[in-house]
Amino acid sequence: MIEKTLKNIAERILALDEASLSGLWEKYKARLEDFDTTEEWERATIIFFIINSVKVKNNIFNKQIINRQNKASQSKRTPLDIPSYLKRIK
């Protein structure tokens, strides 16, 4: 039950736009720093970390895509890409 609920929450969060979330980051950071013992503060804390989670996830995702593209382009080297100081020996 809990895992299903968390998966549903994750699906809803993934549907949100990072740019829109980033616009709220300062608001929730300020609220997080203004500690009190209310449920409003607790919700603001969770929202702040959700925003950070989306940003971190996208950062990791983008870096991995770039790494894979770089590896793919390196594996497509042709024999003409061999440095000129190397000579083929038959």
N, C-alpha and C. Protein backbone atom coordinates (compact mmCIF):
# COMPACT_ATOMS: atom_id res chain seq x y z
N MET A 1 0.82 -1.20 0.00
CA MET A 1 0.00 0.00 0.00
C MET A 1 0.87 1.26 0.00
N ILE A 2 1.85 1.31 0.88
CA ILE A 2 2.72 2.49 0.96
C ILE A 2 3.54 2.63 -0.31
N GLU A 3 4.08 1.51 -0.79
CA GLU A 3 4.89 1.57 -2.00
C GLU A 3 4.06 2.03 -3.20
N LYS A 4 2.85 1.55 -3.30
CA LYS A 4 1.97 1.96 -4.40
C LYS A 4 1.68 3.46 -4.31
N THR A 5 1.45 3.96 -3.11
CA THR A 5 1.21 5.38 -2.92
C THR A 5 2.43 6.20 -3.32
N LEU A 6 3.61 5.74 -2.92
CA LEU A 6 4.83 6.45 -3.28
C LEU A 6 5.06 6.45 -4.79
N LYS A 7 4.77 5.34 -5.44
CA LYS A 7 4.90 5.28 -6.90
C LYS A 7 3.94 6.25 -7.57
N ASN A 8 2.73 6.34 -7.05
CA ASN A 8 1.76 7.30 -7.61
C ASN A 8 2.23 8.73 -7.42
N ILE A 9 2.78 9.03 -6.26
CA ILE A 9 3.32 10.36 -6.01
C ILE A 9 4.46 10.65 -6.98
N ALA A 10 5.35 9.67 -7.16
CA ALA A 10 6.49 9.85 -8.08
C ALA A 10 6.00 10.12 -9.50
N GLU A 11 4.99 9.40 -9.95
CA GLU A 11 4.44 9.62 -11.29
C GLU A 11 3.91 11.04 -11.44
N ARG A 12 3.24 11.52 -10.43
CA ARG A 12 2.69 12.88 -10.49
C ARG A 12 3.79 13.92 -10.48
N ILE A 13 4.85 13.67 -9.71
CA ILE A 13 5.98 14.62 -9.65
C ILE A 13 6.72 14.63 -10.97
N LEU A 14 6.92 13.46 -11.58
CA LEU A 14 7.61 13.39 -12.87
C LEU A 14 6.87 14.14 -13.97
N ALA A 15 5.58 14.32 -13.80
CA ALA A 15 4.80 15.04 -14.80
C ALA A 15 4.95 16.56 -14.67
N LEU A 16 5.56 17.01 -13.58
CA LEU A 16 5.75 18.45 -13.36
C LEU A 16 6.95 18.97 -14.12
N ASP A 17 6.90 20.22 -14.51
CA ASP A 17 7.97 20.87 -15.25
C ASP A 17 9.04 21.39 -14.28
N GLU A 18 10.31 21.04 -14.54
CA GLU A 18 11.38 21.47 -13.66
C GLU A 18 11.49 22.99 -13.59
N ALA A 19 11.29 23.66 -14.69
CA ALA A 19 11.39 25.13 -14.69
C ALA A 19 10.35 25.75 -13.76
N SER A 20 9.16 25.22 -13.77
CA SER A 20 8.12 25.72 -12.87
C SER A 20 8.47 25.43 -11.42
N LEU A 21 8.99 24.24 -11.18
CA LEU A 21 9.39 23.88 -9.82
C LEU A 21 10.53 24.76 -9.34
N SER A 22 11.49 25.04 -10.21
CA SER A 22 12.64 25.86 -9.84
C SER A 22 12.20 27.27 -9.44
N GLY A 23 11.12 27.74 -10.04
CA GLY A 23 10.61 29.04 -9.68
C GLY A 23 10.09 29.10 -8.25
N LEU A 24 9.74 27.95 -7.70
CA LEU A 24 9.24 27.88 -6.32
C LEU A 24 10.34 27.59 -5.31
N TRP A 25 11.54 27.28 -5.78
CA TRP A 25 12.63 26.84 -4.91
C TRP A 25 12.94 27.88 -3.82
N GLU A 26 13.08 29.14 -4.19
CA GLU A 26 13.41 30.19 -3.21
C GLU A 26 12.33 30.32 -2.15
N LYS A 27 11.08 30.28 -2.58
CA LYS A 27 9.97 30.41 -1.65
C LYS A 27 10.04 29.33 -0.57
N TYR A 28 10.24 28.08 -0.99
CA TYR A 28 10.24 26.98 -0.04
C TYR A 28 11.55 26.90 0.75
N LYS A 29 12.62 27.38 0.17
CA LYS A 29 13.88 27.46 0.92
C LYS A 29 13.73 28.45 2.07
N ALA A 30 13.14 29.60 1.78
CA ALA A 30 12.92 30.61 2.82
C ALA A 30 12.00 30.07 3.92
N ARG A 31 10.97 29.35 3.50
CA ARG A 31 10.04 28.78 4.49
C ARG A 31 10.73 27.72 5.32
N LEU A 32 11.57 26.92 4.71
CA LEU A 32 12.31 25.88 5.42
C LEU A 32 13.22 26.50 6.47
N GLU A 33 13.86 27.60 6.13
CA GLU A 33 14.78 28.27 7.05
C GLU A 33 14.05 28.96 8.19
N ASP A 34 12.77 29.26 8.01
CA ASP A 34 11.97 29.91 9.05
C ASP A 34 11.26 28.82 9.86
N PHE A 35 12.02 28.11 10.65
CA PHE A 35 11.51 26.93 11.36
C PHE A 35 10.42 27.28 12.36
N ASP A 36 9.41 26.44 12.36
CA ASP A 36 8.44 26.39 13.45
C ASP A 36 7.89 24.97 13.50
N THR A 37 7.04 24.71 14.42
CA THR A 37 6.58 23.33 14.63
C THR A 37 5.21 23.06 14.01
N THR A 38 4.89 23.76 12.95
CA THR A 38 3.58 23.59 12.32
C THR A 38 3.63 22.56 11.18
N GLU A 39 2.45 22.07 10.83
CA GLU A 39 2.35 21.16 9.68
C GLU A 39 2.68 21.90 8.39
N GLU A 40 2.41 23.19 8.35
CA GLU A 40 2.75 23.99 7.16
C GLU A 40 4.26 23.96 6.91
N TRP A 41 5.04 24.10 7.97
CA TRP A 41 6.51 24.04 7.83
C TRP A 41 6.93 22.65 7.35
N GLU A 42 6.31 21.62 7.90
CA GLU A 42 6.65 20.24 7.50
C GLU A 42 6.35 20.02 6.02
N ARG A 43 5.20 20.49 5.55
CA ARG A 43 4.85 20.36 4.13
C ARG A 43 5.83 21.14 3.26
N ALA A 44 6.18 22.35 3.70
CA ALA A 44 7.14 23.16 2.95
C ALA A 44 8.49 22.46 2.84
N THR A 45 8.89 21.78 3.89
CA THR A 45 10.15 21.03 3.88
C THR A 45 10.10 19.91 2.86
N ILE A 46 9.02 19.17 2.85
CA ILE A 46 8.86 18.08 1.88
C ILE A 46 8.85 18.63 0.45
N ILE A 47 8.14 19.72 0.23
CA ILE A 47 8.09 20.33 -1.10
C ILE A 47 9.47 20.78 -1.54
N PHE A 48 10.22 21.40 -0.64
CA PHE A 48 11.58 21.85 -0.96
C PHE A 48 12.44 20.68 -1.41
N PHE A 49 12.37 19.57 -0.69
CA PHE A 49 13.20 18.43 -1.06
C PHE A 49 12.68 17.71 -2.30
N ILE A 50 11.41 17.78 -2.58
CA ILE A 50 10.89 17.24 -3.84
C ILE A 50 11.47 18.04 -5.01
N ILE A 51 11.45 19.36 -4.88
CA ILE A 51 12.01 20.21 -5.94
C ILE A 51 13.48 19.87 -6.15
N ASN A 52 14.23 19.74 -5.06
CA ASN A 52 15.65 19.38 -5.17
C ASN A 52 15.82 18.00 -5.80
N SER A 53 14.96 17.08 -5.46
CA SER A 53 15.05 15.72 -6.02
C SER A 53 14.87 15.73 -7.53
N VAL A 54 13.91 16.49 -8.00
CA VAL A 54 13.68 16.58 -9.45
C VAL A 54 14.91 17.19 -10.13
N LYS A 55 15.47 18.24 -9.53
CA LYS A 55 16.65 18.87 -10.11
C LYS A 55 17.84 17.91 -10.15
N VAL A 56 18.06 17.17 -9.07
CA VAL A 56 19.17 16.20 -9.04
C VAL A 56 18.94 15.08 -10.04
N LYS A 57 17.71 14.58 -10.11
CA LYS A 57 17.39 13.51 -11.06
C LYS A 57 17.66 13.95 -12.49
N ASN A 58 17.24 15.16 -12.83
CA ASN A 58 17.46 15.67 -14.18
C ASN A 58 18.94 15.89 -14.47
N ASN A 59 19.68 16.34 -13.47
CA ASN A 59 21.12 16.55 -13.63
C ASN A 59 21.82 15.22 -13.91
N ILE A 60 21.51 14.20 -13.13
CA ILE A 60 22.10 12.87 -13.34
C ILE A 60 21.70 12.33 -14.71
N PHE A 61 20.44 12.46 -15.06
CA PHE A 61 19.93 11.97 -16.33
C PHE A 61 20.67 12.63 -17.49
N ASN A 62 20.79 13.96 -17.46
CA ASN A 62 21.46 14.67 -18.54
C ASN A 62 22.93 14.30 -18.66
N LYS A 63 23.62 14.15 -17.54
CA LYS A 63 25.03 13.75 -17.57
C LYS A 63 25.19 12.36 -18.17
N GLN A 64 24.30 11.45 -17.82
CA GLN A 64 24.38 10.09 -18.37
C GLN A 64 24.13 10.07 -19.87
N ILE A 65 23.18 10.87 -20.32
CA ILE A 65 22.91 10.95 -21.76
C ILE A 65 24.14 11.49 -22.50
N ILE A 66 24.75 12.54 -21.97
CA ILE A 66 25.95 13.11 -22.58
C ILE A 66 27.07 12.09 -22.60
N ASN A 67 27.27 11.37 -21.50
CA ASN A 67 28.32 10.34 -21.44
C ASN A 67 28.09 9.25 -22.48
N ARG A 68 26.85 8.82 -22.63
CA ARG A 68 26.54 7.77 -23.61
C ARG A 68 26.75 8.28 -25.04
N GLN A 69 26.39 9.53 -25.29
CA GLN A 69 26.60 10.09 -26.62
C GLN A 69 28.08 10.20 -26.93
N ASN A 70 28.87 10.60 -25.94
CA ASN A 70 30.33 10.70 -26.14
C ASN A 70 30.93 9.32 -26.40
N LYS A 71 30.50 8.31 -25.67
CA LYS A 71 31.01 6.96 -25.88
C LYS A 71 30.62 6.44 -27.26
N ALA A 72 29.41 6.73 -27.68
CA ALA A 72 28.95 6.28 -29.00
C ALA A 72 29.73 6.95 -30.11
N SER A 73 30.02 8.23 -29.95
CA SER A 73 30.76 8.93 -31.01
C SER A 73 32.21 8.46 -31.04
N GLN A 74 32.78 8.09 -29.90
CA GLN A 74 34.15 7.58 -29.87
C GLN A 74 34.24 6.20 -30.51
N SER A 75 33.21 5.39 -30.35
CA SER A 75 33.24 4.04 -30.91
C SER A 75 33.03 4.05 -32.42
N LYS A 76 32.59 5.16 -32.99
CA LYS A 76 32.36 5.26 -34.43
C LYS A 76 33.57 5.84 -35.16
N ARG A 77 34.73 5.79 -34.56
CA ARG A 77 35.92 6.34 -35.21
C ARG A 77 36.28 5.49 -36.43
N THR A 78 36.73 6.14 -37.44
CA THR A 78 37.13 5.46 -38.67
C THR A 78 38.64 5.31 -38.67
N PRO A 79 39.19 4.46 -39.54
CA PRO A 79 40.64 4.32 -39.61
C PRO A 79 41.34 5.64 -39.94
N LEU A 80 40.65 6.57 -40.56
CA LEU A 80 41.25 7.87 -40.86
C LEU A 80 41.49 8.67 -39.59
N ASP A 81 40.85 8.28 -38.51
CA ASP A 81 41.02 8.98 -37.24
C ASP A 81 42.29 8.54 -36.50
N ILE A 82 43.03 7.59 -37.07
CA ILE A 82 44.25 7.11 -36.43
C ILE A 82 45.29 8.24 -36.51
N PRO A 83 45.90 8.56 -35.40
CA PRO A 83 46.91 9.64 -35.41
C PRO A 83 47.99 9.36 -36.46
N SER A 84 48.47 10.41 -37.07
CA SER A 84 49.42 10.30 -38.18
C SER A 84 50.76 9.70 -37.75
N TYR A 85 51.11 9.74 -36.50
CA TYR A 85 52.39 9.21 -36.07
C TYR A 85 52.35 7.68 -35.94
N LEU A 86 51.18 7.06 -36.11
CA LEU A 86 51.09 5.60 -36.09
C LEU A 86 51.13 5.08 -37.51
N LYS A 87 51.82 3.96 -37.70
CA LYS A 87 51.92 3.37 -39.02
C LYS A 87 51.41 1.95 -38.99
N ARG A 88 50.73 1.57 -40.05
CA ARG A 88 50.22 0.22 -40.15
C ARG A 88 51.37 -0.69 -40.59
N ILE A 89 51.50 -1.79 -39.88
CA ILE A 89 52.53 -2.76 -40.23
C ILE A 89 51.83 -4.01 -40.72
N LYS A 90 52.28 -4.48 -41.92
CA LYS A 90 51.66 -5.67 -42.51
C LYS A 90 52.52 -6.88 -42.32
